[in-house]
Each structure stands twice: as structure tokens, then as C-alpha cells.
Amino acid sequence: MKKVYVFLAEGFEEIEAFAPVDIMRRAELDVVTVSIYEDLTVIGAHGIPVMADTIFGLCDYDDAALLFLPGGMPGAANLLNCEPLCELLEKKHREGTPLAAICAAPAVLGELGLLDGRRATCYPGFEEHLKGADVDSNALIVKDDETLFTGCGPAAAPALGFALVELLCGKEKAGEVRSGMMFGRIKY
């Protein structure tokens, strides 16, 4: 079974990681949270300690259906500073494996040159790092074909999660999960 790998670095934005993880797991996807460190415990941007499922060096990623980067600062900067992760992102991009990033994390893809000629969005102020991208600053999420998904920030986390479920499981399954979570029924 193909897996979704979600990479956690100190200072990651908790909602941007775990709203999509929750939504994808509700769709019965095999989602693996990965600490980029030698320790399973990773502290989020708001001081929440999280225990990842595994550490980076214990996986070979041959079974990856999707690689996902949560944002947050300094989380995104820490992801970019992880050389083995950057090498993996470049390799999987060449192979056509879908990549997803949210908030500040699309900057990681941009700095690696993986957004050249692609549409993307990010958290305001990180646009200059989306090198070569056609940046849509007003979009909640941007899907550029079936291999690149970006979100603008915390508010985009559920929408990105549903888009990734639709990619990997189809529109019907995404609709089932959305309905079961009561999305679309909220009134203010």
C-alpha cells in the first residue's frame, strides 16, 4: 500500500500538519508522520510536543504516494535545512510523486527550484521564495496538475486535506469524509 509521508520539524504549524493528517486518515490512507530528527518527539510552533510515527532515516520512501510539508516558522526553515529531506523532495519530484506544502513550506519547494513554471500559493511574505512560480496570493489552495498542491496558511489546512484525499482516493471518498466531518453545514 502506498503511503503519505508528513515531515515534522521543530516549529511546525500544528493545525497545518494535523488537520490534513486527520482528514487523510479518516479516508483510510496510510499516513506516516516523520520526525526529521533522531528523536520521535517534535515541538510545534505553539509549544505542543508531538510524537511522530517514525524518524527520517528509518524509511526508504519507495512506497510514497505523496510527500507533505507543513508550514510554520521556524518549521519550514528547519525542513529546508534538512539536506536528506531536500534530496528526497528533488528525487520524488523528478519521479512525478505528488508534493504538497502549506503556509511557509512552499518556500522549501521554491528554494529547491521545484516550482519553476508551476502555479503555487503561500503565506503572505514568503512569495519571494517561490522561485520561478506563478504565485496566486489570493488562493486558499492551488492545485497545479496532479503533482503539486500548495496552501496559503492555517485556514487552508482542511481544504488542502480534502484536495489530497480527492487526489489519492477520488472525489466520492473526499465528499464522504467532508460530509462526515460536517463541513459545509457550519453557519454563523
Foldseek 3Di string as FASTA:
>chain_A
DAEEEEEWAAAFAVLLRPLLVVLLVVLVGHYFYEYQDPAQWHAYNVRDTDGGRYYDVVDPNPRHQEYEYGDGPPTLVVCLVSVVNLVVVVVVLVVLRAYEYEALNCLSCQQSVNQAVWEFEHAPPNVVSNHNHPYDPPDQWDDTDLRYIYGHDSVSRNVSSLVVCCSVPNDVSSVVSCVVVVPPVDDD
